[in-house]
C-alpha atoms as a PDB file:
ATOM      1  CA  MET A   1     102.098  34.249-115.449  1.00  0.00           C
ATOM      2  CA  LYS A   2     105.740  35.242-115.842  1.00  0.00           C
ATOM      3  CA  LYS A   3     108.165  35.805-112.978  1.00  0.00           C
ATOM      4  CA  GLN A   4     111.730  37.034-113.025  1.00  0.00           C
ATOM      5  CA  ALA A   5     114.370  34.460-112.094  1.00  0.00           C
ATOM      6  CA  LYS A   6     115.233  36.276-108.843  1.00  0.00           C
ATOM      7  CA  ASP A   7     111.575  36.060-107.683  1.00  0.00           C
ATOM      8  CA  LEU A   8     111.300  32.263-108.034  1.00  0.00           C
ATOM      9  CA  LYS A   9     111.295  30.022-104.969  1.00  0.00           C
ATOM     10  CA  LYS A  10     112.056  26.377-104.217  1.00  0.00           C
ATOM     11  CA  GLY A  11     109.079  24.231-105.219  1.00  0.00           C
ATOM     12  CA  ASP A  12     107.815  26.607-107.924  1.00  0.00           C
ATOM     13  CA  LYS A  13     106.895  25.016-111.253  1.00  0.00           C
ATOM     14  CA  ILE A  14     108.208  26.581-114.462  1.00  0.00           C
ATOM     15  CA  LYS A  15     107.826  25.670-118.116  1.00  0.00           C
ATOM     16  CA  ILE A  16     110.958  25.214-120.270  1.00  0.00           C
ATOM     17  CA  LEU A  17     111.015  23.496-123.683  1.00  0.00           C
ATOM     18  CA  ASP A  18     107.355  22.398-123.335  1.00  0.00           C
ATOM     19  CA  LYS A  19     108.136  20.548-120.081  1.00  0.00           C
ATOM     20  CA  VAL A  20     107.120  21.416-116.538  1.00  0.00           C
ATOM     21  CA  TRP A  21     110.120  21.593-114.190  1.00  0.00           C
ATOM     22  CA  ILE A  22     110.137  21.876-110.387  1.00  0.00           C
ATOM     23  CA  ILE A  23     112.772  24.089-108.779  1.00  0.00           C
ATOM     24  CA  GLU A  24     114.851  22.016-106.336  1.00  0.00           C
ATOM     25  CA  PHE A  25     117.487  24.662-105.499  1.00  0.00           C
ATOM     26  CA  ILE A  26     117.989  28.324-106.341  1.00  0.00           C
ATOM     27  CA  GLU A  27     121.030  30.553-105.787  1.00  0.00           C
ATOM     28  CA  VAL A  28     121.421  34.237-106.657  1.00  0.00           C
ATOM     29  CA  SER A  29     124.976  35.568-107.099  1.00  0.00           C
ATOM     30  CA  ASP A  30     126.339  39.071-106.650  1.00  0.00           C
ATOM     31  CA  SER A  31     126.475  41.495-109.564  1.00  0.00           C
ATOM     32  CA  SER A  32     128.998  40.562-112.240  1.00  0.00           C
ATOM     33  CA  LYS A  33     131.148  42.733-114.525  1.00  0.00           C
ATOM     34  CA  GLN A  34     128.112  43.328-116.759  1.00  0.00           C
ATOM     35  CA  GLY A  35     126.178  44.714-113.770  1.00  0.00           C
ATOM     36  CA  VAL A  36     123.492  42.009-113.614  1.00  0.00           C
ATOM     37  CA  SER A  37     123.417  39.302-110.944  1.00  0.00           C
ATOM     38  CA  LYS A  38     123.026  35.693-112.080  1.00  0.00           C
ATOM     39  CA  THR A  39     120.571  33.068-110.836  1.00  0.00           C
ATOM     40  CA  ARG A  40     121.433  29.358-110.793  1.00  0.00           C
ATOM     41  CA  LEU A  41     118.462  26.980-110.873  1.00  0.00           C
ATOM     42  CA  GLU A  42     118.563  23.228-110.263  1.00  0.00           C
ATOM     43  CA  LEU A  43     115.432  21.676-111.769  1.00  0.00           C
ATOM     44  CA  SER A  44     113.826  18.229-111.881  1.00  0.00           C
ATOM     45  CA  SER A  45     111.121  16.695-114.048  1.00  0.00           C
ATOM     46  CA  ASN A  46     110.077  13.028-114.126  1.00  0.00           C
ATOM     47  CA  GLY A  47     113.437  11.808-112.835  1.00  0.00           C
ATOM     48  CA  GLU A  48     115.454  14.117-115.102  1.00  0.00           C
ATOM     49  CA  LYS A  49     117.646  16.827-113.598  1.00  0.00           C
ATOM     50  CA  MET A  50     118.944  20.034-115.155  1.00  0.00           C
ATOM     51  CA  ALA A  51     120.908  23.052-113.936  1.00  0.00           C
ATOM     52  CA  ILE A  52     120.714  26.399-115.720  1.00  0.00           C
ATOM     53  CA  ILE A  53     122.153  29.857-115.122  1.00  0.00           C
ATOM     54  CA  ARG A  54     120.267  32.955-116.245  1.00  0.00           C
ATOM     55  CA  PRO A  55     120.375  36.690-115.479  1.00  0.00           C
ATOM     56  CA  SER A  56     118.235  37.550-112.436  1.00  0.00           C
ATOM     57  CA  ASN A  57     115.824  39.573-114.558  1.00  0.00           C
ATOM     58  CA  TYR A  58     115.221  36.715-117.036  1.00  0.00           C
ATOM     59  CA  PRO A  59     111.453  35.948-117.321  1.00  0.00           C
ATOM     60  CA  PHE A  60     110.202  32.382-116.729  1.00  0.00           C
ATOM     61  CA  GLU A  61     106.697  31.078-117.449  1.00  0.00           C
ATOM     62  CA  CYS A  62     105.255  29.842-114.118  1.00  0.00           C
ATOM     63  CA  ILE A  63     102.595  27.175-113.839  1.00  0.00           C
END
């Protein structure tokens, strides 16, 4: 099932690069010059951490 970045919540599991990541923190910004707000996700998986920024309407594969 796919969800847009803005609809994700802390604790949700998403699949990126064939790995399952758990959302530790999520922040949605105001609209930018391009008219789309951005979503910042802090993720963790097996001791690894990663932060990514995507448009709020970007689709993620949820587990």
